[in-house]
């Protein structure tokens, strides 16, 4: 599993380096606070449309081969954009949108494939720890992608960052191609399955644990996508930071995320977390994000965003661990891609609304979103606490 986690780290490095480039390029080309968000919104719409079909393909093709295919596709997409830009054919907002769409389609294939590969190495008792180890690899990749991405944007330009991203994707594909991934066992009592898209939707909707996980992901990633959409304009237009400082700010989220995942990996063991309790962790994330929104200066924002990133890492590990624990391996691709489609719908909404945000209102948008997430999680926890005694 350790070798697979290296490929996960490389993918996160490449993906986040690309995302930093898209955000900063969107601002450069259009010089509007909502410019990066509109690019991400269009890319999310493409992922939303293709996600369920790509998940079915993962289950049919097998997670390992789908993982490799996703990396090769993403590499070709970013390298094509770099080449076109060097030739003077892609220095436009439309070209940036096309590149972001291609990258998101690769990500829509990669995510369920990666979770299928990780599941093959886990047992019920090790699911949360496996998810936190994966989260640690993702977070370290984010640190590298955003910090180095910011430096590259300032010193070498977008094309150089794209070349690096392409090389990282190809390296990740090579790493996974060299390992033999074990087959994940079927869950006891798992229903008969087929390769259809609708089967994965029914499987997800009929399992309360999976439905709760999907809802938790939606709340958790509302904040994540809002940061993706508006952190660059928040850095540049509110905190008056440059590209390197923006990269450091985003990387600090990932440093906090890596620390949270590391602590969970080291000390959590085989314990299980009650389903409703997961909502309290997501609620704490919302509360901390509201505090971050009021950061009066760049140094204070740098400290607070690390705490937000750490809480997001815990949320993701607990929710991913639940999926690995309860989802049958024959439908993991479809279940994960259906949840990803839900998250794409969330991101599409967040990015679309963020494209209308002015610099003066970013703090208000951040703070109100955190409050809404906190209030939603308190209500969901209360609902779960009422249901448990009734079903005991």
Protein backbone atom coordinates (compact mmCIF):
# COMPACT_ATOMS: atom_id res chain seq x y z
CA UNK A 1 0.00 0.00 0.00
CA UNK A 2 2.91 2.36 0.68
CA UNK A 3 3.88 2.37 -3.00
CA UNK A 4 0.31 3.18 -4.01
CA UNK A 5 0.33 6.08 -1.55
CA UNK A 6 3.35 7.49 -3.39
CA UNK A 7 1.23 7.59 -6.55
CA UNK A 8 -1.57 9.28 -4.58
CA UNK A 9 0.89 11.92 -3.37
CA UNK A 10 2.16 12.52 -6.92
CA UNK A 11 -1.41 12.91 -8.21
CA UNK A 12 -2.26 15.42 -5.47
CA UNK A 13 0.96 17.35 -6.18
CA UNK A 14 0.09 17.58 -9.88
CA UNK A 15 -3.62 18.30 -9.41
CA UNK A 16 -3.11 21.09 -6.89
CA UNK A 17 -0.27 22.64 -8.87
CA UNK A 18 -2.66 22.76 -11.81
CA UNK A 19 -5.47 24.20 -9.65
CA UNK A 20 -3.20 26.97 -8.36
CA UNK A 21 -2.25 27.80 -11.94
CA UNK A 22 -5.88 27.92 -13.05
CA UNK A 23 -6.88 30.20 -10.17
CA UNK A 24 -4.03 32.66 -10.74
CA UNK A 25 -4.37 32.58 -14.54
CA UNK A 26 -8.10 33.24 -14.29
CA UNK A 27 -7.37 36.33 -12.22
CA UNK A 28 -4.64 37.47 -14.64
CA UNK A 29 -6.78 37.09 -17.75
CA UNK A 30 -10.01 38.65 -16.45
CA UNK A 31 -8.94 40.51 -13.28
CA UNK A 32 -12.24 39.75 -11.54
CA UNK A 33 -12.74 38.09 -8.14
CA UNK A 34 -15.14 35.53 -9.62
CA UNK A 35 -13.01 34.62 -12.64
CA UNK A 36 -11.38 31.46 -11.17
CA UNK A 37 -14.72 30.26 -9.77
CA UNK A 38 -16.38 30.33 -13.19
CA UNK A 39 -13.63 28.13 -14.65
CA UNK A 40 -14.04 25.64 -11.81
CA UNK A 41 -17.84 25.71 -12.17
CA UNK A 42 -17.72 24.71 -15.83
CA UNK A 43 -15.18 21.98 -15.09
CA UNK A 44 -17.37 20.67 -12.26
CA UNK A 45 -20.37 20.51 -14.59
CA UNK A 46 -18.36 18.25 -16.91
CA UNK A 47 -17.34 16.00 -14.00
CA UNK A 48 -20.93 15.90 -12.74
CA UNK A 49 -22.19 14.72 -16.13
CA UNK A 50 -19.50 12.08 -16.67
CA UNK A 51 -18.97 10.88 -13.09
CA UNK A 52 -21.53 8.04 -12.84
CA UNK A 53 -20.44 6.54 -16.17
CA UNK A 54 -16.77 6.75 -15.26
CA UNK A 55 -17.52 5.02 -11.94
CA UNK A 56 -19.22 2.15 -13.75
CA UNK A 57 -16.18 1.93 -16.00
CA UNK A 58 -13.90 1.68 -12.94
CA UNK A 59 -15.89 -1.32 -11.66
CA UNK A 60 -15.80 -2.92 -15.10
CA UNK A 61 -12.16 -2.18 -15.91
CA UNK A 62 -10.79 -2.70 -12.42
CA UNK A 63 -9.45 0.01 -10.06
CA UNK A 64 -5.77 -0.50 -10.91
CA UNK A 65 -6.13 -0.12 -14.67
CA UNK A 66 -8.55 2.76 -14.23
CA UNK A 67 -6.05 4.46 -11.90
CA UNK A 68 -3.31 4.20 -14.54
CA UNK A 69 -5.62 5.40 -17.32
CA UNK A 70 -6.66 8.46 -15.31
CA UNK A 71 -3.05 9.51 -14.78
CA UNK A 72 -2.11 9.14 -18.43
CA UNK A 73 -5.20 11.11 -19.52
CA UNK A 74 -4.50 13.93 -17.05
CA UNK A 75 -0.86 14.09 -18.14
CA UNK A 76 -1.77 14.40 -21.80
CA UNK A 77 -4.33 17.13 -20.99
CA UNK A 78 -1.94 19.39 -19.06
CA UNK A 79 0.93 18.84 -21.49
CA UNK A 80 -1.31 19.72 -24.43
CA UNK A 81 -2.28 22.97 -22.68
CA UNK A 82 1.38 23.78 -21.96
CA UNK A 83 2.34 23.17 -25.59
CA UNK A 84 -0.56 25.22 -26.93
CA UNK A 85 0.27 28.07 -24.60
CA UNK A 86 3.92 28.08 -25.64
CA UNK A 87 2.78 28.30 -29.26
CA UNK A 88 0.58 31.27 -28.42
CA UNK A 89 -2.64 29.33 -29.02
CA UNK A 90 -3.97 29.08 -25.47
CA UNK A 91 -3.49 32.44 -23.75
CA UNK A 92 -7.22 32.95 -23.32
CA UNK A 93 -9.98 32.32 -20.83
CA UNK A 94 -11.64 29.75 -23.10
CA UNK A 95 -8.43 27.72 -23.38
CA UNK A 96 -8.12 27.77 -19.60
CA UNK A 97 -11.68 26.43 -19.31
CA UNK A 98 -10.95 23.60 -21.77
CA UNK A 99 -7.84 22.59 -19.82
CA UNK A 100 -9.76 22.64 -16.51
CA UNK A 101 -12.55 20.49 -17.98
CA UNK A 102 -10.04 17.90 -19.20
CA UNK A 103 -8.31 17.86 -15.81
CA UNK A 104 -11.61 17.39 -13.95
CA UNK A 105 -12.62 14.49 -16.19
CA UNK A 106 -9.33 12.80 -15.35
CA UNK A 107 -10.02 13.46 -11.67
CA UNK A 108 -13.54 12.02 -11.97
CA UNK A 109 -11.97 8.77 -13.17
CA UNK A 110 -9.06 8.83 -10.73
CA UNK A 111 -10.99 9.32 -7.50
CA UNK A 112 -13.15 6.16 -7.53
CA UNK A 113 -10.26 4.17 -8.99
CA UNK A 114 -7.94 5.29 -6.20
CA UNK A 115 -10.48 4.41 -3.51
CA UNK A 116 -10.99 1.00 -5.10
CA UNK A 117 -7.24 0.35 -4.98
CA UNK A 118 -6.98 1.50 -1.35
CA UNK A 119 -9.97 -0.65 -0.34
CA UNK A 120 -8.15 -3.76 -1.59
CA UNK A 121 -5.57 -3.25 1.18
CA UNK A 122 -8.04 -2.65 4.03
CA UNK A 123 -10.10 -4.61 6.52
CA UNK A 124 -13.12 -3.40 8.46
CA UNK A 125 -10.97 -2.55 11.50
CA UNK A 126 -8.29 -0.72 9.50
CA UNK A 127 -10.61 1.34 7.27
CA UNK A 128 -10.31 4.64 9.16
CA UNK A 129 -6.54 4.31 9.50
CA UNK A 130 -6.20 3.46 5.80
CA UNK A 131 -8.31 6.51 4.95
CA UNK A 132 -6.18 8.74 7.18
CA UNK A 133 -2.96 7.40 5.59
CA UNK A 134 -4.43 8.20 2.21
CA UNK A 135 -5.42 11.63 3.48
CA UNK A 136 -1.86 12.18 4.67
CA UNK A 137 -0.52 11.42 1.17
CA UNK A 138 -3.13 13.72 -0.36
CA UNK A 139 -2.31 16.52 2.08
CA UNK A 140 1.44 16.27 1.49
CA UNK A 141 0.78 16.46 -2.24
CA UNK A 142 -1.34 19.56 -1.66
CA UNK A 143 1.49 21.17 0.32
CA UNK A 144 3.93 20.56 -2.50
CA UNK A 145 1.48 21.51 -5.24
CA UNK A 146 0.38 24.83 -3.81
CA UNK A 147 3.72 25.95 -2.37
CA UNK A 148 5.83 24.96 -5.38
CA UNK A 149 3.00 25.99 -7.70
CA UNK A 150 3.08 29.51 -6.30
CA UNK A 151 6.85 29.71 -6.72
CA UNK A 152 6.67 28.38 -10.28
CA UNK A 153 3.97 30.86 -11.23
CA UNK A 154 6.12 33.74 -10.02
CA UNK A 155 9.47 32.53 -11.35
CA UNK A 156 8.88 30.29 -14.39
CA UNK A 157 5.30 30.83 -15.50
CA UNK A 158 2.28 28.65 -16.16
CA UNK A 159 3.79 26.51 -18.91
CA UNK A 160 6.63 25.34 -16.66
CA UNK A 161 4.11 24.34 -13.97
CA UNK A 162 2.08 22.40 -16.54
CA UNK A 163 5.19 20.49 -17.68
CA UNK A 164 5.92 19.55 -14.08
CA UNK A 165 2.31 18.42 -13.55
CA UNK A 166 2.44 16.23 -16.67
CA UNK A 167 5.66 14.59 -15.50
CA UNK A 168 4.15 13.90 -12.08
CA UNK A 169 1.04 12.30 -13.58
CA UNK A 170 3.14 10.04 -15.81
CA UNK A 171 5.33 9.05 -12.85
CA UNK A 172 2.25 8.16 -10.80
CA UNK A 173 0.96 5.95 -13.62
CA UNK A 174 4.32 4.18 -13.80
CA UNK A 175 4.38 3.60 -10.03
CA UNK A 176 0.94 1.93 -9.99
CA UNK A 177 1.74 -0.10 -13.11
CA UNK A 178 4.67 -1.69 -11.26
CA UNK A 179 2.66 -3.02 -8.29
CA UNK A 180 0.28 -5.95 -8.03
CA UNK A 181 -2.92 -4.80 -6.33
CA UNK A 182 -4.81 -7.53 -4.39
CA UNK A 183 -8.49 -8.10 -5.08
CA UNK A 184 -10.78 -6.74 -2.38
CA UNK A 185 -13.04 -9.44 -0.86
CA UNK A 186 -16.81 -9.26 -1.25
CA UNK A 187 -18.71 -8.12 1.82
CA UNK A 188 -20.65 -10.82 3.65
CA UNK A 189 -24.26 -10.84 2.47
CA UNK A 190 -23.56 -8.41 -0.38
CA UNK A 191 -26.32 -8.43 -3.01
CA UNK A 192 -25.76 -9.67 -6.52
CA UNK A 193 -24.42 -6.89 -8.70
CA UNK A 194 -24.14 -5.90 -12.33
CA UNK A 195 -22.14 -3.28 -14.21
CA UNK A 196 -24.97 -0.77 -14.65
CA UNK A 197 -24.92 2.83 -13.47
CA UNK A 198 -28.36 2.58 -11.81
CA UNK A 199 -27.28 -0.33 -9.64
CA UNK A 200 -24.67 1.86 -7.94
CA UNK A 201 -27.26 4.58 -7.32
CA UNK A 202 -29.70 2.09 -5.77
CA UNK A 203 -26.95 0.56 -3.62
CA UNK A 204 -26.02 4.00 -2.26
CA UNK A 205 -29.59 5.20 -1.69
CA UNK A 206 -30.66 1.98 0.10
CA UNK A 207 -27.90 2.09 2.73
CA UNK A 208 -28.40 4.67 5.48
CA UNK A 209 -24.72 4.71 6.45
CA UNK A 210 -23.73 5.54 2.88
CA UNK A 211 -26.44 8.21 2.63
CA UNK A 212 -25.17 9.83 5.82
CA UNK A 213 -21.62 9.70 4.50
CA UNK A 214 -22.71 11.39 1.27
CA UNK A 215 -24.43 14.16 3.22
CA UNK A 216 -21.37 14.65 5.41
CA UNK A 217 -19.15 14.87 2.33
CA UNK A 218 -21.47 17.49 0.79
CA UNK A 219 -21.21 19.74 3.85
CA UNK A 220 -17.49 19.19 4.29
CA UNK A 221 -16.68 19.90 0.65
CA UNK A 222 -18.87 22.99 0.49
CA UNK A 223 -16.11 24.64 2.48
CA UNK A 224 -13.34 22.97 0.48
CA UNK A 225 -14.75 24.14 -2.86
CA UNK A 226 -15.36 27.64 -1.51
CA UNK A 227 -11.67 27.82 -0.59
CA UNK A 228 -10.74 26.56 -4.06
CA UNK A 229 -12.92 29.22 -5.69
CA UNK A 230 -12.22 32.26 -3.53
CA UNK A 231 -8.93 31.84 -1.69
CA UNK A 232 -6.95 33.32 -4.59
CA UNK A 233 -9.06 36.50 -4.77
CA UNK A 234 -9.21 36.59 -0.95
CA UNK A 235 -5.40 36.49 -0.90
CA UNK A 236 -4.86 39.02 -3.66
CA UNK A 237 -7.74 41.45 -3.24
CA UNK A 238 -8.43 41.30 0.52
CA UNK A 239 -5.07 40.36 2.09
CA UNK A 240 -3.04 42.02 -0.73
CA UNK A 241 -0.76 38.98 -1.10
CA UNK A 242 1.27 37.93 -4.15
CA UNK A 243 1.23 34.55 -5.91
CA UNK A 244 3.87 33.01 -3.64
CA UNK A 245 1.99 34.11 -0.53
CA UNK A 246 -1.23 32.70 -1.96
CA UNK A 247 0.58 29.41 -2.57
CA UNK A 248 1.87 29.43 1.01
CA UNK A 249 -1.61 30.17 2.37
CA UNK A 250 -3.13 27.27 0.46
CA UNK A 251 -0.19 25.05 1.36
CA UNK A 252 -0.70 25.85 5.06
CA UNK A 253 -4.22 24.41 4.82
CA UNK A 254 -2.57 21.24 3.54
CA UNK A 255 0.11 21.27 6.24
CA UNK A 256 -2.68 21.32 8.81
CA UNK A 257 -4.44 18.60 6.86
CA UNK A 258 -1.29 16.47 6.81
CA UNK A 259 -0.79 16.93 10.55
CA UNK A 260 -4.40 15.95 11.26
CA UNK A 261 -4.09 12.84 9.07
CA UNK A 262 -0.76 11.91 10.67
CA UNK A 263 -2.15 12.14 14.19
CA UNK A 264 -5.17 10.07 13.22
CA UNK A 265 -2.94 7.47 11.56
CA UNK A 266 -0.67 7.26 14.59
CA UNK A 267 -3.21 7.17 17.40
CA UNK A 268 -6.64 6.14 16.12
CA UNK A 269 -6.04 2.40 15.68
CA UNK A 270 -9.10 0.22 15.03
CA UNK A 271 -11.68 2.30 16.88
CA UNK A 272 -14.99 3.07 15.21
CA UNK A 273 -16.80 6.42 15.24
CA UNK A 274 -20.59 6.48 15.48
CA UNK A 275 -22.24 7.73 12.30
CA UNK A 276 -23.98 10.75 13.82
CA UNK A 277 -20.83 11.80 15.68
CA UNK A 278 -19.15 12.45 12.34
CA UNK A 279 -21.48 15.41 11.89
CA UNK A 280 -20.04 17.06 15.01
CA UNK A 281 -16.57 16.95 13.43
CA UNK A 282 -17.93 18.54 10.25
CA UNK A 283 -19.73 21.14 12.39
CA UNK A 284 -16.44 22.05 14.08
CA UNK A 285 -14.99 22.57 10.62
CA UNK A 286 -17.76 25.05 9.82
CA UNK A 287 -17.19 26.93 13.07
CA UNK A 288 -13.45 27.25 12.48
CA UNK A 289 -13.99 28.41 8.90
CA UNK A 290 -16.19 31.25 10.19
CA UNK A 291 -13.36 32.30 12.50
CA UNK A 292 -10.87 32.19 9.60
CA UNK A 293 -13.13 34.50 7.59
CA UNK A 294 -12.49 37.30 10.09
CA UNK A 295 -8.69 37.04 10.01
CA UNK A 296 -7.47 40.67 10.18
CA UNK A 297 -4.11 40.10 8.47
CA UNK A 298 -2.10 37.69 6.36
CA UNK A 299 -0.16 36.16 9.32
CA UNK A 300 -3.37 35.49 11.27
CA UNK A 301 -5.03 34.01 8.16
CA UNK A 302 -1.98 31.77 7.73
CA UNK A 303 -2.36 30.40 11.27
CA UNK A 304 -6.13 29.93 11.13
CA UNK A 305 -6.25 28.21 7.76
CA UNK A 306 -3.94 25.51 9.10
CA UNK A 307 -6.55 24.70 11.77
CA UNK A 308 -9.28 24.62 9.12
CA UNK A 309 -7.21 22.23 7.03
CA UNK A 310 -6.61 19.94 10.01
CA UNK A 311 -10.33 19.67 10.75
CA UNK A 312 -11.11 19.05 7.09
CA UNK A 313 -8.61 16.19 7.11
CA UNK A 314 -10.33 14.57 10.09
CA UNK A 315 -13.74 14.91 8.41
CA UNK A 316 -12.48 13.33 5.21
CA UNK A 317 -10.76 10.44 7.01
CA UNK A 318 -13.83 9.52 9.06
CA UNK A 319 -16.12 9.70 6.03
CA UNK A 320 -13.74 7.85 3.70
CA UNK A 321 -13.22 5.23 6.38
CA UNK A 322 -16.96 4.66 6.57
CA UNK A 323 -17.12 4.09 2.80
CA UNK A 324 -14.20 1.66 2.84
CA UNK A 325 -15.75 -0.18 5.76
CA UNK A 326 -19.32 -0.70 4.55
CA UNK A 327 -19.19 -0.53 0.74
CA UNK A 328 -18.86 -3.76 -1.24
CA UNK A 329 -15.81 -3.89 -3.52
CA UNK A 330 -17.91 -4.76 -6.59
CA UNK A 331 -19.61 -1.34 -6.50
CA UNK A 332 -16.97 0.87 -4.86
CA UNK A 333 -16.29 2.64 -8.16
CA UNK A 334 -19.93 3.51 -8.72
CA UNK A 335 -20.65 4.46 -5.11
CA UNK A 336 -17.59 6.68 -4.95
CA UNK A 337 -18.32 8.26 -8.33
CA UNK A 338 -21.95 8.90 -7.35
CA UNK A 339 -20.75 10.68 -4.23
CA UNK A 340 -18.24 12.55 -6.39
CA UNK A 341 -21.10 13.56 -8.69
CA UNK A 342 -22.92 14.92 -5.66
CA UNK A 343 -19.78 16.84 -4.75
CA UNK A 344 -19.51 18.08 -8.32
CA UNK A 345 -23.07 19.38 -8.01
CA UNK A 346 -22.05 21.09 -4.76
CA UNK A 347 -18.94 22.52 -6.38
CA UNK A 348 -20.91 23.65 -9.43
CA UNK A 349 -23.27 25.56 -7.14
CA UNK A 350 -20.45 26.98 -5.03
CA UNK A 351 -18.33 27.97 -8.02
CA UNK A 352 -21.29 29.43 -9.88
CA UNK A 353 -22.30 31.60 -6.95
CA UNK A 354 -18.67 32.47 -6.21
CA UNK A 355 -18.27 33.82 -9.74
CA UNK A 356 -20.71 36.59 -8.73
CA UNK A 357 -18.90 37.53 -5.52
CA UNK A 358 -17.15 40.88 -5.17
CA UNK A 359 -13.95 41.39 -3.22
CA UNK A 360 -15.82 43.32 -0.52
CA UNK A 361 -18.18 40.43 0.23
CA UNK A 362 -15.71 37.50 0.42
CA UNK A 363 -15.41 37.65 4.21
CA UNK A 364 -19.21 37.61 4.58
CA UNK A 365 -19.53 34.65 2.22
CA UNK A 366 -16.88 32.67 4.12
CA UNK A 367 -18.38 33.40 7.55
CA UNK A 368 -22.01 32.72 6.60
CA UNK A 369 -21.09 29.43 4.91
CA UNK A 370 -19.33 28.25 8.05
CA UNK A 371 -22.36 29.11 10.18
CA UNK A 372 -24.73 27.27 7.82
CA UNK A 373 -22.51 24.16 7.88
CA UNK A 374 -22.35 24.26 11.69
CA UNK A 375 -26.12 24.66 12.10
CA UNK A 376 -26.83 21.88 9.59
CA UNK A 377 -24.49 19.48 11.38
CA UNK A 378 -26.03 20.19 14.80
CA UNK A 379 -29.48 19.37 13.41
CA UNK A 380 -28.24 16.21 11.70
CA UNK A 381 -26.50 15.04 14.87
CA UNK A 382 -29.67 15.62 16.87
CA UNK A 383 -31.66 13.62 14.33
CA UNK A 384 -29.17 10.72 14.53
CA UNK A 385 -29.22 10.78 18.32
CA UNK A 386 -33.03 10.41 18.27
CA UNK A 387 -32.96 7.54 15.77
CA UNK A 388 -30.41 5.35 17.60
CA UNK A 389 -32.50 4.60 20.72
CA UNK A 390 -35.55 3.91 18.61
CA UNK A 391 -33.68 1.37 16.50
CA UNK A 392 -31.86 -0.29 19.42
